[in-house]
């Protein structure tokens, strides 16, 4: 289990670095995954990164969500420094929603795992 959490942590940091890079690069250089509905790529990107951190830190889910939310708001604000970019509240809300869904999903999985865990009798 420790290796799984470590792998999730590495994936989370690599993913976060990638999203930071993509968020501050000029709009023409940015990859376009779902051009028809860009909110899907925003939501899924932050969902995946937050899920990785939630797996790595299952006892700190509130902090994970807070850290991701702060990162999202900061990245939207930093976009004003790039001429071709624009930070928008709508984009931030969609990204925070993706992060929140990841935390809620993790909470649900943890609750199911606790119910399925065998009850240990006192020795």
PDB file of N, CA and C in Angstrom:
ATOM      1  N   UNK A   1       0.829  -1.198   0.000  1.00  0.00           N
ATOM      2  CA  UNK A   1       0.000   0.000   0.000  1.00  0.00           C
ATOM      3  C   UNK A   1       0.868   1.254   0.000  1.00  0.00           C
ATOM      4  N   UNK A   2       1.989   1.183   0.684  1.00  0.00           N
ATOM      5  CA  UNK A   2       2.891   2.332   0.763  1.00  0.00           C
ATOM      6  C   UNK A   2       3.432   2.703  -0.625  1.00  0.00           C
ATOM      7  N   UNK A   3       3.734   1.692  -1.438  1.00  0.00           N
ATOM      8  CA  UNK A   3       4.230   1.949  -2.791  1.00  0.00           C
ATOM      9  C   UNK A   3       3.140   2.623  -3.624  1.00  0.00           C
ATOM     10  N   UNK A   4       1.900   2.202  -3.446  1.00  0.00           N
ATOM     11  CA  UNK A   4       0.774   2.786  -4.170  1.00  0.00           C
ATOM     12  C   UNK A   4       0.615   4.260  -3.817  1.00  0.00           C
ATOM     13  N   UNK A   5       0.718   4.578  -2.522  1.00  0.00           N
ATOM     14  CA  UNK A   5       0.606   5.972  -2.091  1.00  0.00           C
ATOM     15  C   UNK A   5       1.770   6.799  -2.617  1.00  0.00           C
ATOM     16  N   UNK A   6       2.966   6.223  -2.611  1.00  0.00           N
ATOM     17  CA  UNK A   6       4.135   6.939  -3.136  1.00  0.00           C
ATOM     18  C   UNK A   6       3.989   7.202  -4.626  1.00  0.00           C
ATOM     19  N   UNK A   7       3.501   6.225  -5.363  1.00  0.00           N
ATOM     20  CA  UNK A   7       3.290   6.406  -6.802  1.00  0.00           C
ATOM     21  C   UNK A   7       2.238   7.483  -7.051  1.00  0.00           C
ATOM     22  N   UNK A   8       1.182   7.490  -6.245  1.00  0.00           N
ATOM     23  CA  UNK A   8       0.146   8.512  -6.386  1.00  0.00           C
ATOM     24  C   UNK A   8       0.715   9.898  -6.095  1.00  0.00           C
ATOM     25  N   UNK A   9       1.580   9.993  -5.119  1.00  0.00           N
ATOM     26  CA  UNK A   9       2.198  11.274  -4.773  1.00  0.00           C
ATOM     27  C   UNK A   9       3.074  11.788  -5.919  1.00  0.00           C
ATOM     28  N   UNK A  10       3.869  10.903  -6.499  1.00  0.00           N
ATOM     29  CA  UNK A  10       4.713  11.288  -7.637  1.00  0.00           C
ATOM     30  C   UNK A  10       3.838  11.731  -8.813  1.00  0.00           C
ATOM     31  N   UNK A  11       2.801  10.971  -9.096  1.00  0.00           N
ATOM     32  CA  UNK A  11       1.881  11.333 -10.183  1.00  0.00           C
ATOM     33  C   UNK A  11       1.210  12.677  -9.911  1.00  0.00           C
ATOM     34  N   UNK A  12       0.839  12.908  -8.667  1.00  0.00           N
ATOM     35  CA  UNK A  12       0.202  14.168  -8.300  1.00  0.00           C
ATOM     36  C   UNK A  12       1.112  15.359  -8.545  1.00  0.00           C
ATOM     37  N   UNK A  13       2.367  15.261  -8.111  1.00  0.00           N
ATOM     38  CA  UNK A  13       3.301  16.375  -8.295  1.00  0.00           C
ATOM     39  C   UNK A  13       3.652  16.592  -9.760  1.00  0.00           C
ATOM     40  N   UNK A  14       3.839  15.506 -10.503  1.00  0.00           N
ATOM     41  CA  UNK A  14       4.124  15.647 -11.935  1.00  0.00           C
ATOM     42  C   UNK A  14       2.923  16.270 -12.642  1.00  0.00           C
ATOM     43  N   UNK A  15       1.738  15.798 -12.312  1.00  0.00           N
ATOM     44  CA  UNK A  15       0.523  16.358 -12.905  1.00  0.00           C
ATOM     45  C   UNK A  15       0.321  17.813 -12.550  1.00  0.00           C
ATOM     46  N   UNK A  16       0.585  18.167 -11.301  1.00  0.00           N
ATOM     47  CA  UNK A  16       0.441  19.562 -10.885  1.00  0.00           C
ATOM     48  C   UNK A  16       1.437  20.441 -11.636  1.00  0.00           C
ATOM     49  N   UNK A  17       2.674  19.983 -11.769  1.00  0.00           N
ATOM     50  CA  UNK A  17       3.675  20.747 -12.521  1.00  0.00           C
ATOM     51  C   UNK A  17       3.226  20.939 -13.969  1.00  0.00           C
ATOM     52  N   UNK A  18       2.665  19.889 -14.553  1.00  0.00           N
ATOM     53  CA  UNK A  18       2.179  19.981 -15.936  1.00  0.00           C
ATOM     54  C   UNK A  18       1.032  20.997 -16.040  1.00  0.00           C
ATOM     55  N   UNK A  19       0.088  20.950 -15.096  1.00  0.00           N
ATOM     56  CA  UNK A  19      -1.038  21.888 -15.160  1.00  0.00           C
ATOM     57  C   UNK A  19      -0.586  23.326 -14.934  1.00  0.00           C
ATOM     58  N   UNK A  20       0.413  23.529 -14.097  1.00  0.00           N
ATOM     59  CA  UNK A  20       0.959  24.876 -13.911  1.00  0.00           C
ATOM     60  C   UNK A  20       1.567  25.358 -15.221  1.00  0.00           C
ATOM     61  N   UNK A  21       2.360  24.494 -15.856  1.00  0.00           N
ATOM     62  CA  UNK A  21       3.007  24.848 -17.124  1.00  0.00           C
ATOM     63  C   UNK A  21       1.967  25.171 -18.195  1.00  0.00           C
ATOM     64  N   UNK A  22       0.962  24.338 -18.309  1.00  0.00           N
ATOM     65  CA  UNK A  22      -0.083  24.543 -19.318  1.00  0.00           C
ATOM     66  C   UNK A  22      -0.883  25.803 -19.021  1.00  0.00           C
ATOM     67  N   UNK A  23      -1.059  26.122 -17.754  1.00  0.00           N
ATOM     68  CA  UNK A  23      -1.869  27.287 -17.379  1.00  0.00           C
ATOM     69  C   UNK A  23      -1.180  28.610 -17.670  1.00  0.00           C
ATOM     70  N   UNK A  24       0.151  28.632 -17.683  1.00  0.00           N
ATOM     71  CA  UNK A  24       0.837  29.917 -17.874  1.00  0.00           C
ATOM     72  C   UNK A  24       1.451  30.071 -19.259  1.00  0.00           C
ATOM     73  N   UNK A  25       1.396  29.030 -20.084  1.00  0.00           N
ATOM     74  CA  UNK A  25       1.952  29.139 -21.443  1.00  0.00           C
ATOM     75  C   UNK A  25       0.983  29.914 -22.333  1.00  0.00           C
ATOM     76  N   UNK A  26       1.477  30.471 -23.443  1.00  0.00           N
ATOM     77  CA  UNK A  26       0.580  31.177 -24.355  1.00  0.00           C
ATOM     78  C   UNK A  26      -0.538  30.254 -24.861  1.00  0.00           C
ATOM     79  N   UNK A  27      -1.692  30.830 -25.109  1.00  0.00           N
ATOM     80  CA  UNK A  27      -2.880  30.046 -25.458  1.00  0.00           C
ATOM     81  C   UNK A  27      -2.674  29.228 -26.731  1.00  0.00           C
ATOM     82  N   UNK A  28      -1.896  29.723 -27.662  1.00  0.00           N
ATOM     83  CA  UNK A  28      -1.669  28.995 -28.906  1.00  0.00           C
ATOM     84  C   UNK A  28      -0.824  27.743 -28.722  1.00  0.00           C
ATOM     85  N   UNK A  29      -0.022  27.699 -27.674  1.00  0.00           N
ATOM     86  CA  UNK A  29       0.849  26.544 -27.414  1.00  0.00           C
ATOM     87  C   UNK A  29       0.176  25.490 -26.546  1.00  0.00           C
ATOM     88  N   UNK A  30      -0.949  25.836 -25.983  1.00  0.00           N
ATOM     89  CA  UNK A  30      -1.634  24.946 -25.040  1.00  0.00           C
ATOM     90  C   UNK A  30      -2.240  23.749 -25.768  1.00  0.00           C
ATOM     91  N   UNK A  31      -2.128  22.548 -25.172  1.00  0.00           N
ATOM     92  CA  UNK A  31      -2.775  21.388 -25.799  1.00  0.00           C
ATOM     93  C   UNK A  31      -4.299  21.501 -25.688  1.00  0.00           C
ATOM     94  N   UNK A  32      -4.991  21.020 -26.690  1.00  0.00           N
ATOM     95  CA  UNK A  32      -6.456  21.070 -26.713  1.00  0.00           C
ATOM     96  C   UNK A  32      -6.981  19.645 -26.787  1.00  0.00           C
ATOM     97  N   UNK A  33      -7.554  19.176 -25.698  1.00  0.00           N
ATOM     98  CA  UNK A  33      -8.063  17.812 -25.656  1.00  0.00           C
ATOM     99  C   UNK A  33      -9.526  17.734 -26.064  1.00  0.00           C
ATOM    100  N   UNK A  34     -10.336  18.565 -25.484  1.00  0.00           N
ATOM    101  CA  UNK A  34     -11.770  18.567 -25.761  1.00  0.00           C
ATOM    102  C   UNK A  34     -12.153  19.971 -26.233  1.00  0.00           C
ATOM    103  N   UNK A  35     -11.863  20.287 -27.489  1.00  0.00           N
ATOM    104  CA  UNK A  35     -12.117  21.638 -27.992  1.00  0.00           C
ATOM    105  C   UNK A  35     -13.596  22.003 -27.995  1.00  0.00           C
ATOM    106  N   UNK A  36     -14.462  21.014 -28.191  1.00  0.00           N
ATOM    107  CA  UNK A  36     -15.895  21.302 -28.234  1.00  0.00           C
ATOM    108  C   UNK A  36     -16.409  21.743 -26.860  1.00  0.00           C
ATOM    109  N   UNK A  37     -15.946  21.088 -25.817  1.00  0.00           N
ATOM    110  CA  UNK A  37     -16.372  21.414 -24.453  1.00  0.00           C
ATOM    111  C   UNK A  37     -15.117  21.508 -23.577  1.00  0.00           C
ATOM    112  N   UNK A  38     -14.474  22.687 -23.554  1.00  0.00           N
ATOM    113  CA  UNK A  38     -13.219  22.807 -22.806  1.00  0.00           C
ATOM    114  C   UNK A  38     -13.371  22.600 -21.302  1.00  0.00           C
ATOM    115  N   UNK A  39     -14.589  22.783 -20.787  1.00  0.00           N
ATOM    116  CA  UNK A  39     -14.795  22.569 -19.351  1.00  0.00           C
ATOM    117  C   UNK A  39     -14.514  21.118 -18.952  1.00  0.00           C
ATOM    118  N   UNK A  40     -14.693  20.182 -19.872  1.00  0.00           N
ATOM    119  CA  UNK A  40     -14.430  18.776 -19.560  1.00  0.00           C
ATOM    120  C   UNK A  40     -12.953  18.574 -19.262  1.00  0.00           C
ATOM    121  N   UNK A  41     -12.084  19.143 -20.087  1.00  0.00           N
ATOM    122  CA  UNK A  41     -10.655  18.970 -19.841  1.00  0.00           C
ATOM    123  C   UNK A  41     -10.232  19.691 -18.569  1.00  0.00           C
ATOM    124  N   UNK A  42     -10.824  20.827 -18.283  1.00  0.00           N
ATOM    125  CA  UNK A  42     -10.521  21.541 -17.029  1.00  0.00           C
ATOM    126  C   UNK A  42     -10.915  20.689 -15.826  1.00  0.00           C
ATOM    127  N   UNK A  43     -12.133  20.180 -15.866  1.00  0.00           N
ATOM    128  CA  UNK A  43     -12.633  19.382 -14.753  1.00  0.00           C
ATOM    129  C   UNK A  43     -11.824  18.092 -14.586  1.00  0.00           C
ATOM    130  N   UNK A  44     -11.588  17.380 -15.673  1.00  0.00           N
ATOM    131  CA  UNK A  44     -10.879  16.103 -15.589  1.00  0.00           C
ATOM    132  C   UNK A  44      -9.425  16.268 -15.165  1.00  0.00           C
ATOM    133  N   UNK A  45      -8.778  17.321 -15.625  1.00  0.00           N
ATOM    134  CA  UNK A  45      -7.389  17.555 -15.247  1.00  0.00           C
ATOM    135  C   UNK A  45      -7.232  17.737 -13.744  1.00  0.00           C
ATOM    136  N   UNK A  46      -8.042  18.597 -13.183  1.00  0.00           N
ATOM    137  CA  UNK A  46      -7.946  18.843 -11.737  1.00  0.00           C
ATOM    138  C   UNK A  46      -8.527  17.689 -10.929  1.00  0.00           C
ATOM    139  N   UNK A  47      -9.484  16.965 -11.488  1.00  0.00           N
ATOM    140  CA  UNK A  47      -9.991  15.762 -10.835  1.00  0.00           C
ATOM    141  C   UNK A  47      -8.854  14.751 -10.674  1.00  0.00           C
ATOM    142  N   UNK A  48      -8.123  14.509 -11.755  1.00  0.00           N
ATOM    143  CA  UNK A  48      -7.056  13.499 -11.733  1.00  0.00           C
ATOM    144  C   UNK A  48      -5.941  13.881 -10.758  1.00  0.00           C
ATOM    145  N   UNK A  49      -5.530  15.125 -10.787  1.00  0.00           N
ATOM    146  CA  UNK A  49      -4.447  15.571  -9.907  1.00  0.00           C
ATOM    147  C   UNK A  49      -4.892  15.503  -8.452  1.00  0.00           C
ATOM    148  N   UNK A  50      -6.084  15.970  -8.170  1.00  0.00           N
ATOM    149  CA  UNK A  50      -6.585  15.939  -6.792  1.00  0.00           C
ATOM    150  C   UNK A  50      -6.778  14.509  -6.316  1.00  0.00           C
ATOM    151  N   UNK A  51      -7.244  13.639  -7.188  1.00  0.00           N
ATOM    152  CA  UNK A  51      -7.405  12.231  -6.818  1.00  0.00           C
ATOM    153  C   UNK A  51      -6.057  11.621  -6.445  1.00  0.00           C
ATOM    154  N   UNK A  52      -5.023  11.942  -7.197  1.00  0.00           N
ATOM    155  CA  UNK A  52      -3.689  11.422  -6.881  1.00  0.00           C
ATOM    156  C   UNK A  52      -3.242  11.896  -5.497  1.00  0.00           C
ATOM    157  N   UNK A  53      -3.419  13.172  -5.201  1.00  0.00           N
ATOM    158  CA  UNK A  53      -3.039  13.683  -3.883  1.00  0.00           C
ATOM    159  C   UNK A  53      -3.936  13.113  -2.781  1.00  0.00           C
ATOM    160  N   UNK A  54      -5.210  12.903  -3.079  1.00  0.00           N
ATOM    161  CA  UNK A  54      -6.123  12.327  -2.085  1.00  0.00           C
ATOM    162  C   UNK A  54      -5.732  10.896  -1.748  1.00  0.00           C
ATOM    163  N   UNK A  55      -5.283  10.144  -2.741  1.00  0.00           N
ATOM    164  CA  UNK A  55      -4.809   8.779  -2.487  1.00  0.00           C
ATOM    165  C   UNK A  55      -3.530   8.815  -1.654  1.00  0.00           C
ATOM    166  N   UNK A  56      -2.667   9.781  -1.944  1.00  0.00           N
ATOM    167  CA  UNK A  56      -1.404   9.894  -1.213  1.00  0.00           C
ATOM    168  C   UNK A  56      -1.621  10.372   0.226  1.00  0.00           C
ATOM    169  N   UNK A  57      -2.610  11.222   0.442  1.00  0.00           N
ATOM    170  CA  UNK A  57      -2.869  11.789   1.770  1.00  0.00           C
ATOM    171  C   UNK A  57      -4.325  11.552   2.182  1.00  0.00           C
ATOM    172  N   UNK A  58      -4.747  10.313   2.407  1.00  0.00           N
ATOM    173  CA  UNK A  58      -6.162  10.047   2.703  1.00  0.00           C
ATOM    174  C   UNK A  58      -6.647  10.622   4.034  1.00  0.00           C
ATOM    175  N   UNK A  59      -5.744  10.929   4.936  1.00  0.00           N
ATOM    176  CA  UNK A  59      -6.153  11.488   6.232  1.00  0.00           C
ATOM    177  C   UNK A  59      -6.207  13.012   6.221  1.00  0.00           C
ATOM    178  N   UNK A  60      -5.861  13.613   5.103  1.00  0.00           N
ATOM    179  CA  UNK A  60      -5.826  15.074   5.003  1.00  0.00           C
ATOM    180  C   UNK A  60      -6.624  15.570   3.802  1.00  0.00           C
ATOM    181  N   UNK A  61      -7.781  15.011   3.590  1.00  0.00           N
ATOM    182  CA  UNK A  61      -8.557  15.349   2.395  1.00  0.00           C
ATOM    183  C   UNK A  61      -9.009  16.807   2.381  1.00  0.00           C
ATOM    184  N   UNK A  62      -9.324  17.345   3.527  1.00  0.00           N
ATOM    185  CA  UNK A  62      -9.699  18.758   3.594  1.00  0.00           C
ATOM    186  C   UNK A  62      -8.546  19.656   3.171  1.00  0.00           C
ATOM    187  N   UNK A  63      -7.361  19.323   3.634  1.00  0.00           N
ATOM    188  CA  UNK A  63      -6.173  20.103   3.257  1.00  0.00           C
ATOM    189  C   UNK A  63      -5.857  19.946   1.780  1.00  0.00           C
ATOM    190  N   UNK A  64      -6.052  18.737   1.265  1.00  0.00           N
ATOM    191  CA  UNK A  64      -5.816  18.506  -0.168  1.00  0.00           C
ATOM    192  C   UNK A  64      -6.743  19.387  -0.986  1.00  0.00           C
ATOM    193  N   UNK A  65      -8.018  19.397  -0.644  1.00  0.00           N
ATOM    194  CA  UNK A  65      -8.980  20.216  -1.385  1.00  0.00           C
ATOM    195  C   UNK A  65      -8.655  21.702  -1.246  1.00  0.00           C
ATOM    196  N   UNK A  66      -8.277  22.131  -0.054  1.00  0.00           N
ATOM    197  CA  UNK A  66      -7.917  23.533   0.154  1.00  0.00           C
ATOM    198  C   UNK A  66      -6.684  23.901  -0.674  1.00  0.00           C
ATOM    199  N   UNK A  67      -5.668  23.049  -0.664  1.00  0.00           N
ATOM    200  CA  UNK A  67      -4.444  23.329  -1.423  1.00  0.00           C
ATOM    201  C   UNK A  67      -4.725  23.387  -2.925  1.00  0.00           C
ATOM    202  N   UNK A  68      -5.541  22.467  -3.406  1.00  0.00           N
ATOM    203  CA  UNK A  68      -5.869  22.480  -4.837  1.00  0.00           C
ATOM    204  C   UNK A  68      -6.687  23.713  -5.186  1.00  0.00           C
ATOM    205  N   UNK A  69      -7.605  24.095  -4.336  1.00  0.00           N
ATOM    206  CA  UNK A  69      -8.433  25.279  -4.589  1.00  0.00           C
ATOM    207  C   UNK A  69      -7.579  26.541  -4.627  1.00  0.00           C
ATOM    208  N   UNK A  70      -6.649  26.656  -3.689  1.00  0.00           N
ATOM    209  CA  UNK A  70      -5.744  27.820  -3.677  1.00  0.00           C
ATOM    210  C   UNK A  70      -4.882  27.822  -4.935  1.00  0.00           C
ATOM    211  N   UNK A  71      -4.361  26.660  -5.324  1.00  0.00           N
ATOM    212  CA  UNK A  71      -3.535  26.571  -6.536  1.00  0.00           C
ATOM    213  C   UNK A  71      -4.345  26.983  -7.765  1.00  0.00           C
ATOM    214  N   UNK A  72      -5.583  26.551  -7.831  1.00  0.00           N
ATOM    215  CA  UNK A  72      -6.438  26.883  -8.975  1.00  0.00           C
ATOM    216  C   UNK A  72      -6.664  28.393  -9.057  1.00  0.00           C
ATOM    217  N   UNK A  73      -7.012  29.001  -7.947  1.00  0.00           N
ATOM    218  CA  UNK A  73      -7.274  30.445  -7.937  1.00  0.00           C
ATOM    219  C   UNK A  73      -6.001  31.222  -8.275  1.00  0.00           C
ATOM    220  N   UNK A  74      -4.880  30.790  -7.732  1.00  0.00           N
ATOM    221  CA  UNK A  74      -3.616  31.466  -8.025  1.00  0.00           C
ATOM    222  C   UNK A  74      -3.256  31.350  -9.503  1.00  0.00           C
ATOM    223  N   UNK A  75      -3.449  30.173 -10.080  1.00  0.00           N
ATOM    224  CA  UNK A  75      -3.136  29.993 -11.500  1.00  0.00           C
ATOM    225  C   UNK A  75      -4.054  30.821 -12.395  1.00  0.00           C
ATOM    226  N   UNK A  76      -5.311  30.936 -12.016  1.00  0.00           N
ATOM    227  CA  UNK A  76      -6.211  31.788 -12.794  1.00  0.00           C
ATOM    228  C   UNK A  76      -5.760  33.242 -12.704  1.00  0.00           C
ATOM    229  N   UNK A  77      -5.288  33.674 -11.540  1.00  0.00           N
ATOM    230  CA  UNK A  77      -4.814  35.050 -11.381  1.00  0.00           C
ATOM    231  C   UNK A  77      -3.526  35.287 -12.164  1.00  0.00           C
ATOM    232  N   UNK A  78      -2.633  34.308 -12.174  1.00  0.00           N
ATOM    233  CA  UNK A  78      -1.355  34.433 -12.885  1.00  0.00           C
ATOM    234  C   UNK A  78      -1.569  34.532 -14.390  1.00  0.00           C
ATOM    235  N   UNK A  79      -2.663  34.004 -14.882  1.00  0.00           N
ATOM    236  CA  UNK A  79      -2.918  34.061 -16.325  1.00  0.00           C
ATOM    237  C   UNK A  79      -3.027  35.497 -16.843  1.00  0.00           C
ATOM    238  N   UNK A  80      -3.311  36.433 -15.970  1.00  0.00           N
ATOM    239  CA  UNK A  80      -3.379  37.827 -16.397  1.00  0.00           C
ATOM    240  C   UNK A  80      -2.007  38.388 -16.754  1.00  0.00           C
ATOM    241  N   UNK A  81      -0.936  37.716 -16.349  1.00  0.00           N
ATOM    242  CA  UNK A  81       0.411  38.164 -16.681  1.00  0.00           C
ATOM    243  C   UNK A  81       0.800  37.794 -18.113  1.00  0.00           C
ATOM    244  N   UNK A  82       0.131  36.819 -18.695  1.00  0.00           N
ATOM    245  CA  UNK A  82       0.371  36.400 -20.084  1.00  0.00           C
ATOM    246  C   UNK A  82      -0.647  37.117 -20.966  1.00  0.00           C
ATOM    247  N   UNK A  83      -0.164  37.782 -22.002  1.00  0.00           N
ATOM    248  CA  UNK A  83      -1.022  38.615 -22.851  1.00  0.00           C
ATOM    249  C   UNK A  83      -2.147  37.809 -23.501  1.00  0.00           C
ATOM    250  N   UNK A  84      -1.865  36.594 -23.937  1.00  0.00           N
ATOM    251  CA  UNK A  84      -2.869  35.812 -24.673  1.00  0.00           C
ATOM    252  C   UNK A  84      -3.804  35.026 -23.760  1.00  0.00           C
ATOM    253  N   UNK A  85      -3.578  35.062 -22.471  1.00  0.00           N
ATOM    254  CA  UNK A  85      -4.400  34.277 -21.537  1.00  0.00           C
ATOM    255  C   UNK A  85      -5.349  35.190 -20.775  1.00  0.00           C
ATOM    256  N   UNK A  86      -6.326  34.599 -20.140  1.00  0.00           N
ATOM    257  CA  UNK A  86      -7.268  35.338 -19.315  1.00  0.00           C
ATOM    258  C   UNK A  86      -7.814  34.396 -18.246  1.00  0.00           C
ATOM    259  N   UNK A  87      -7.675  34.795 -17.019  1.00  0.00           N
ATOM    260  CA  UNK A  87      -8.252  34.011 -15.935  1.00  0.00           C
ATOM    261  C   UNK A  87      -9.723  34.348 -15.802  1.00  0.00           C
ATOM    262  N   UNK A  88     -10.533  33.330 -15.583  1.00  0.00           N
ATOM    263  CA  UNK A  88     -11.973  33.572 -15.442  1.00  0.00           C
ATOM    264  C   UNK A  88     -12.497  32.837 -14.220  1.00  0.00           C
ATOM    265  N   UNK A  89     -13.477  33.441 -13.583  1.00  0.00           N
ATOM    266  CA  UNK A  89     -14.087  32.820 -12.407  1.00  0.00           C
ATOM    267  C   UNK A  89     -14.763  31.509 -12.799  1.00  0.00           C
ATOM    268  N   UNK A  90     -15.410  31.495 -13.958  1.00  0.00           N
ATOM    269  CA  UNK A  90     -16.077  30.276 -14.421  1.00  0.00           C
ATOM    270  C   UNK A  90     -15.086  29.113 -14.514  1.00  0.00           C
ATOM    271  N   UNK A  91     -13.906  29.369 -15.089  1.00  0.00           N
ATOM    272  CA  UNK A  91     -12.893  28.323 -15.214  1.00  0.00           C
ATOM    273  C   UNK A  91     -12.460  27.819 -13.843  1.00  0.00           C
ATOM    274  N   UNK A  92     -12.256  28.741 -12.914  1.00  0.00           N
ATOM    275  CA  UNK A  92     -11.845  28.356 -11.565  1.00  0.00           C
ATOM    276  C   UNK A  92     -12.919  27.506 -10.887  1.00  0.00           C
ATOM    277  N   UNK A  93     -14.177  27.862 -11.062  1.00  0.00           N
ATOM    278  CA  UNK A  93     -15.272  27.101 -10.451  1.00  0.00           C
ATOM    279  C   UNK A  93     -15.318  25.681 -11.004  1.00  0.00           C
ATOM    280  N   UNK A  94     -15.142  25.540 -12.315  1.00  0.00           N
ATOM    281  CA  UNK A  94     -15.157  24.204 -12.928  1.00  0.00           C
ATOM    282  C   UNK A  94     -13.993  23.369 -12.405  1.00  0.00           C
ATOM    283  N   UNK A  95     -12.828  23.975 -12.293  1.00  0.00           N
ATOM    284  CA  UNK A  95     -11.642  23.256 -11.807  1.00  0.00           C
ATOM    285  C   UNK A  95     -11.803  22.842 -10.342  1.00  0.00           C
ATOM    286  N   UNK A  96     -12.312  23.752  -9.519  1.00  0.00           N
ATOM    287  CA  UNK A  96     -12.537  23.426  -8.102  1.00  0.00           C
ATOM    288  C   UNK A  96     -13.592  22.330  -7.983  1.00  0.00           C
ATOM    289  N   UNK A  97     -14.577  22.343  -8.858  1.00  0.00           N
ATOM    290  CA  UNK A  97     -15.598  21.288  -8.851  1.00  0.00           C
ATOM    291  C   UNK A  97     -14.956  19.934  -9.148  1.00  0.00           C
ATOM    292  N   UNK A  98     -14.038  19.890 -10.106  1.00  0.00           N
ATOM    293  CA  UNK A  98     -13.319  18.643 -10.392  1.00  0.00           C
ATOM    294  C   UNK A  98     -12.532  18.160  -9.190  1.00  0.00           C
ATOM    295  N   UNK A  99     -11.869  19.082  -8.508  1.00  0.00           N
ATOM    296  CA  UNK A  99     -11.113  18.725  -7.302  1.00  0.00           C
ATOM    297  C   UNK A  99     -12.044  18.233  -6.198  1.00  0.00           C
ATOM    298  N   UNK A 100     -13.173  18.887  -6.036  1.00  0.00           N
ATOM    299  CA  UNK A 100     -14.129  18.490  -4.993  1.00  0.00           C
ATOM    300  C   UNK A 100     -14.713  17.105  -5.271  1.00  0.00           C
ATOM    301  N   UNK A 101     -15.013  16.818  -6.522  1.00  0.00           N
ATOM    302  CA  UNK A 101     -15.537  15.495  -6.878  1.00  0.00           C
ATOM    303  C   UNK A 101     -14.511  14.414  -6.536  1.00  0.00           C
ATOM    304  N   UNK A 102     -13.237  14.698  -6.778  1.00  0.00           N
ATOM    305  CA  UNK A 102     -12.184  13.727  -6.452  1.00  0.00           C
ATOM    306  C   UNK A 102     -12.132  13.455  -4.952  1.00  0.00           C
ATOM    307  N   UNK A 103     -12.259  14.495  -4.151  1.00  0.00           N
ATOM    308  CA  UNK A 103     -12.228  14.319  -2.690  1.00  0.00           C
ATOM    309  C   UNK A 103     -13.459  13.561  -2.221  1.00  0.00           C
ATOM    310  N   UNK A 104     -14.621  13.894  -2.746  1.00  0.00           N
ATOM    311  CA  UNK A 104     -15.850  13.191  -2.357  1.00  0.00           C
ATOM    312  C   UNK A 104     -15.771  11.721  -2.759  1.00  0.00           C
ATOM    313  N   UNK A 105     -15.274  11.448  -3.943  1.00  0.00           N
ATOM    314  CA  UNK A 105     -15.104  10.061  -4.386  1.00  0.00           C
ATOM    315  C   UNK A 105     -14.143   9.308  -3.467  1.00  0.00           C
ATOM    316  N   UNK A 106     -13.066   9.950  -3.078  1.00  0.00           N
ATOM    317  CA  UNK A 106     -12.113   9.328  -2.158  1.00  0.00           C
ATOM    318  C   UNK A 106     -12.761   9.059  -0.807  1.00  0.00           C
ATOM    319  N   UNK A 107     -13.539  10.009  -0.308  1.00  0.00           N
ATOM    320  CA  UNK A 107     -14.252   9.799   0.959  1.00  0.00           C
ATOM    321  C   UNK A 107     -15.183   8.598   0.868  1.00  0.00           C
ATOM    322  N   UNK A 108     -15.890   8.475  -0.240  1.00  0.00           N
ATOM    323  CA  UNK A 108     -16.793   7.344  -0.436  1.00  0.00           C
ATOM    324  C   UNK A 108     -16.044   6.023  -0.474  1.00  0.00           C
ATOM    325  N   UNK A 109     -14.933   5.990  -1.182  1.00  0.00           N
ATOM    326  CA  UNK A 109     -14.128   4.759  -1.255  1.00  0.00           C
ATOM    327  C   UNK A 109     -13.570   4.386   0.106  1.00  0.00           C
ATOM    328  N   UNK A 110     -13.136   5.373   0.874  1.00  0.00           N
ATOM    329  CA  UNK A 110     -12.620   5.098   2.216  1.00  0.00           C
ATOM    330  C   UNK A 110     -13.719   4.557   3.131  1.00  0.00           C
ATOM    331  N   UNK A 111     -14.928   5.090   3.008  1.00  0.00           N
ATOM    332  CA  UNK A 111     -16.045   4.610   3.827  1.00  0.00           C
ATOM    333  C   UNK A 111     -16.378   3.162   3.492  1.00  0.00           C
ATOM    334  N   UNK A 112     -16.380   2.836   2.204  1.00  0.00           N
ATOM    335  CA  UNK A 112     -16.650   1.452   1.790  1.00  0.00           C
ATOM    336  C   UNK A 112     -15.544   0.531   2.278  1.00  0.00           C
ATOM    337  N   UNK A 113     -14.309   0.973   2.192  1.00  0.00           N
ATOM    338  CA  UNK A 113     -13.180   0.146   2.639  1.00  0.00           C
ATOM    339  C   UNK A 113     -13.250  -0.113   4.141  1.00  0.00           C
ATOM    340  N   UNK A 114     -13.671   0.891   4.903  1.00  0.00           N
ATOM    341  CA  UNK A 114     -13.793   0.706   6.358  1.00  0.00           C
ATOM    342  C   UNK A 114     -14.885  -0.299   6.702  1.00  0.00           C
ATOM    343  N   UNK A 115     -15.981  -0.258   5.962  1.00  0.00           N
ATOM    344  CA  UNK A 115     -17.078  -1.218   6.224  1.00  0.00           C
ATOM    345  C   UNK A 115     -16.672  -2.624   5.867  1.00  0.00           C
ATOM    346  N   UNK A 116     -15.855  -2.784   4.857  1.00  0.00           N
ATOM    347  CA  UNK A 116     -15.437  -4.124   4.423  1.00  0.00           C
ATOM    348  C   UNK A 116     -14.276  -4.661   5.218  1.00  0.00           C
ATOM    349  N   UNK A 117     -13.587  -3.818   5.963  1.00  0.00           N
ATOM    350  CA  UNK A 117     -12.425  -4.259   6.728  1.00  0.00           C
ATOM    351  C   UNK A 117     -12.903  -5.225   7.817  1.00  0.00           C
ATOM    352  N   UNK A 118     -12.170  -6.299   8.009  1.00  0.00           N
ATOM    353  CA  UNK A 118     -12.571  -7.245   9.049  1.00  0.00           C
ATOM    354  C   UNK A 118     -12.443  -6.625  10.428  1.00  0.00           C
ATOM    355  N   UNK A 119     -13.394  -6.947  11.270  1.00  0.00           N
ATOM    356  CA  UNK A 119     -13.382  -6.448  12.645  1.00  0.00           C
ATOM    357  C   UNK A 119     -12.374  -7.276  13.434  1.00  0.00           C
ATOM    358  N   UNK A 120     -11.478  -6.582  14.087  1.00  0.00           N
ATOM    359  CA  UNK A 120     -10.467  -7.292  14.875  1.00  0.00           C
ATOM    360  C   UNK A 120     -10.937  -7.384  16.311  1.00  0.00           C
ATOM    361  N   UNK A 121     -10.875  -8.580  16.830  1.00  0.00           N
ATOM    362  CA  UNK A 121     -11.296  -8.807  18.208  1.00  0.00           C
ATOM    363  C   UNK A 121     -10.137  -8.478  19.145  1.00  0.00           C
ATOM    364  N   UNK A 122     -10.460  -7.934  20.326  1.00  0.00           N
ATOM    365  CA  UNK A 122      -9.395  -7.625  21.288  1.00  0.00           C
ATOM    366  C   UNK A 122      -8.730  -8.900  21.770  1.00  0.00           C
ATOM    367  N   UNK A 123      -7.412  -8.840  21.921  1.00  0.00           N
ATOM    368  CA  UNK A 123      -6.707 -10.037  22.380  1.00  0.00           C
ATOM    369  C   UNK A 123      -6.531 -10.069  23.862  1.00  0.00           C
TER     370      UNK A 123
END
